[in-house]
Every structure is written in C-alpha cells, then in structure tokens.
Amino acid sequence: CLAHYQQQSVQIPTLINLACDGEQAGGIVLQLLPRTTEEEYETVDNDLFPRLKILTKTLKAEELTTLPADEILYRLYHEEDVVTAEPM
C-alpha cells in the first residue's frame, strides 16, 4: 500500500523492501529525491535509481533482520557516494 501511495501521490521513484522472521523486522526504503539546483540537473546520473534498485533487490530477508544499517549500506552501495542523516 505504501509503495502504491508513493507512486500515485508523491510520484517519486520509491522501492520499499520489508522482512520479518517472526521475532524481528527490518526494512529499507530507497527513494530518488527531487533535484533542486541547475548544477544537479547538469550532473544527473540517469542510471542511478535503476542501478540502486537492482542492488537493493539483492538484499535477503535474513540480512534485513540481522545486520546493522551501516553494514547493509556498505554491502549494497560501497561503490556509490552514500550520505546518511545524523540519528535523532
């Protein structure tokens, strides 16, 4: 339902991957954020979201429920320029 909402309402490319093993749950949301400046439009990587989506889909349910987030990010995207927000 959430993926459908993202596609229909927000219209931002989004991939949601959830898993549960009966004791723990985990998930990852991959979302292409809108560009805000002309410079970002000039340096756009049109293959970025499809590439990241393919990588994200390789994640196994067991990894989502057992690995820490930073380990998942490194395993999937170590060749990309990953930026994370500070925890709150």
C-alpha atoms as a PDB file:
ATOM      1  CA  CYS A   1       0.000   0.000   0.000  1.00  0.00           C
ATOM      2  CA  LEU A   2       2.801   2.410   0.880  1.00  0.00           C
ATOM      3  CA  ALA A   3       4.659   1.763  -2.388  1.00  0.00           C
ATOM      4  CA  HIS A   4       1.420   2.343  -4.314  1.00  0.00           C
ATOM      5  CA  TYR A   5       0.839   5.600  -2.427  1.00  0.00           C
ATOM      6  CA  GLN A   6       4.361   6.787  -3.231  1.00  0.00           C
ATOM      7  CA  GLN A   7       3.868   6.006  -6.903  1.00  0.00           C
ATOM      8  CA  GLN A   8       0.425   7.609  -7.206  1.00  0.00           C
ATOM      9  CA  SER A   9       0.546  10.561  -4.806  1.00  0.00           C
ATOM     10  CA  VAL A  10       4.115  11.692  -4.412  1.00  0.00           C
ATOM     11  CA  GLN A  11       5.314  10.404  -7.788  1.00  0.00           C
ATOM     12  CA  ILE A  12       8.872   9.972  -6.523  1.00  0.00           C
ATOM     13  CA  PRO A  13      10.592   6.733  -7.579  1.00  0.00           C
ATOM     14  CA  THR A  14      10.492   4.549  -4.451  1.00  0.00           C
ATOM     15  CA  LEU A  15      11.391   0.973  -3.554  1.00  0.00           C
ATOM     16  CA  ILE A  16      10.267  -0.485  -0.220  1.00  0.00           C
ATOM     17  CA  ASN A  17      11.726  -3.802   0.948  1.00  0.00           C
ATOM     18  CA  LEU A  18      10.437  -5.272   4.238  1.00  0.00           C
ATOM     19  CA  ALA A  19      11.186  -8.526   6.056  1.00  0.00           C
ATOM     20  CA  CYS A  20      10.168 -10.290   9.260  1.00  0.00           C
ATOM     21  CA  ASP A  21      11.462 -13.547  10.742  1.00  0.00           C
ATOM     22  CA  GLY A  22       8.810 -13.921  13.444  1.00  0.00           C
ATOM     23  CA  GLU A  23      10.970 -12.222  16.075  1.00  0.00           C
ATOM     24  CA  GLN A  24      12.481  -9.213  14.324  1.00  0.00           C
ATOM     25  CA  ALA A  25      11.502  -6.964  11.461  1.00  0.00           C
ATOM     26  CA  GLY A  26      13.634  -4.870   9.164  1.00  0.00           C
ATOM     27  CA  GLY A  27      13.247  -2.761   6.099  1.00  0.00           C
ATOM     28  CA  ILE A  28      14.833  -0.405   3.645  1.00  0.00           C
ATOM     29  CA  VAL A  29      13.297   2.454   1.667  1.00  0.00           C
ATOM     30  CA  LEU A  30      15.090   3.632  -1.448  1.00  0.00           C
ATOM     31  CA  GLN A  31      13.828   6.920  -2.812  1.00  0.00           C
ATOM     32  CA  LEU A  32      15.078   9.263  -5.510  1.00  0.00           C
ATOM     33  CA  LEU A  33      14.837  12.762  -4.087  1.00  0.00           C
ATOM     34  CA  PRO A  34      13.958  15.689  -6.353  1.00  0.00           C
ATOM     35  CA  ARG A  35      16.807  17.770  -7.713  1.00  0.00           C
ATOM     36  CA  THR A  36      16.911  21.357  -6.515  1.00  0.00           C
ATOM     37  CA  THR A  37      19.572  23.221  -8.481  1.00  0.00           C
ATOM     38  CA  GLU A  38      20.632  23.664 -12.097  1.00  0.00           C
ATOM     39  CA  GLU A  39      24.016  22.143 -11.233  1.00  0.00           C
ATOM     40  CA  GLU A  40      22.322  18.951 -10.061  1.00  0.00           C
ATOM     41  CA  TYR A  41      20.455  18.739 -13.364  1.00  0.00           C
ATOM     42  CA  GLU A  42      23.718  19.087 -15.294  1.00  0.00           C
ATOM     43  CA  THR A  43      25.439  16.290 -13.359  1.00  0.00           C
ATOM     44  CA  VAL A  44      22.480  13.926 -13.220  1.00  0.00           C
ATOM     45  CA  ASP A  45      23.167  10.192 -13.398  1.00  0.00           C
ATOM     46  CA  ASN A  46      20.096   8.870 -15.238  1.00  0.00           C
ATOM     47  CA  ASP A  47      21.088   5.297 -14.416  1.00  0.00           C
ATOM     48  CA  LEU A  48      21.366   5.903 -10.652  1.00  0.00           C
ATOM     49  CA  PHE A  49      17.926   4.832  -9.436  1.00  0.00           C
ATOM     50  CA  PRO A  50      17.643   1.742 -11.669  1.00  0.00           C
ATOM     51  CA  ARG A  51      21.158   0.683 -10.598  1.00  0.00           C
ATOM     52  CA  LEU A  52      20.454   1.185  -6.887  1.00  0.00           C
ATOM     53  CA  LYS A  53      17.094  -0.557  -7.223  1.00  0.00           C
ATOM     54  CA  ILE A  54      18.767  -3.660  -8.694  1.00  0.00           C
ATOM     55  CA  LEU A  55      21.352  -3.668  -5.898  1.00  0.00           C
ATOM     56  CA  THR A  56      18.678  -3.215  -3.225  1.00  0.00           C
ATOM     57  CA  LYS A  57      16.638  -6.124  -4.535  1.00  0.00           C
ATOM     58  CA  THR A  58      19.616  -8.448  -3.887  1.00  0.00           C
ATOM     59  CA  LEU A  59      19.164  -7.934  -0.136  1.00  0.00           C
ATOM     60  CA  LYS A  60      17.947 -11.092   1.583  1.00  0.00           C
ATOM     61  CA  ALA A  61      15.286 -11.100   4.304  1.00  0.00           C
ATOM     62  CA  GLU A  62      17.817 -12.554   6.763  1.00  0.00           C
ATOM     63  CA  GLU A  63      20.157  -9.610   6.131  1.00  0.00           C
ATOM     64  CA  LEU A  64      17.355  -7.103   6.737  1.00  0.00           C
ATOM     65  CA  THR A  65      16.518  -8.665  10.094  1.00  0.00           C
ATOM     66  CA  THR A  66      20.028  -9.338  11.408  1.00  0.00           C
ATOM     67  CA  LEU A  67      22.541  -6.821  10.041  1.00  0.00           C
ATOM     68  CA  PRO A  68      23.070  -3.264  11.299  1.00  0.00           C
ATOM     69  CA  ALA A  69      22.061  -0.496   8.886  1.00  0.00           C
ATOM     70  CA  ASP A  70      25.621   0.682   8.224  1.00  0.00           C
ATOM     71  CA  GLU A  71      26.646  -2.853   7.220  1.00  0.00           C
ATOM     72  CA  ILE A  72      23.713  -3.120   4.813  1.00  0.00           C
ATOM     73  CA  LEU A  73      24.536   0.259   3.276  1.00  0.00           C
ATOM     74  CA  TYR A  74      28.172  -0.726   2.807  1.00  0.00           C
ATOM     75  CA  ARG A  75      27.364  -4.134   1.299  1.00  0.00           C
ATOM     76  CA  LEU A  76      24.914  -2.692  -1.183  1.00  0.00           C
ATOM     77  CA  TYR A  77      26.332   0.688  -2.100  1.00  0.00           C
ATOM     78  CA  HIS A  78      30.057   0.750  -1.287  1.00  0.00           C
ATOM     79  CA  GLU A  79      30.836   1.977  -4.811  1.00  0.00           C
ATOM     80  CA  GLU A  80      28.369   4.882  -4.549  1.00  0.00           C
ATOM     81  CA  ASP A  81      28.607   8.229  -2.751  1.00  0.00           C
ATOM     82  CA  VAL A  82      26.343   7.434   0.229  1.00  0.00           C
ATOM     83  CA  VAL A  83      25.306  10.202   2.615  1.00  0.00           C
ATOM     84  CA  THR A  84      23.284   9.454   5.734  1.00  0.00           C
ATOM     85  CA  ALA A  85      21.455  11.763   8.085  1.00  0.00           C
ATOM     86  CA  GLU A  86      22.553  12.075  11.683  1.00  0.00           C
ATOM     87  CA  PRO A  87      20.421   9.951  14.051  1.00  0.00           C
ATOM     88  CA  MET A  88      17.896  11.867  16.133  1.00  0.00           C
END
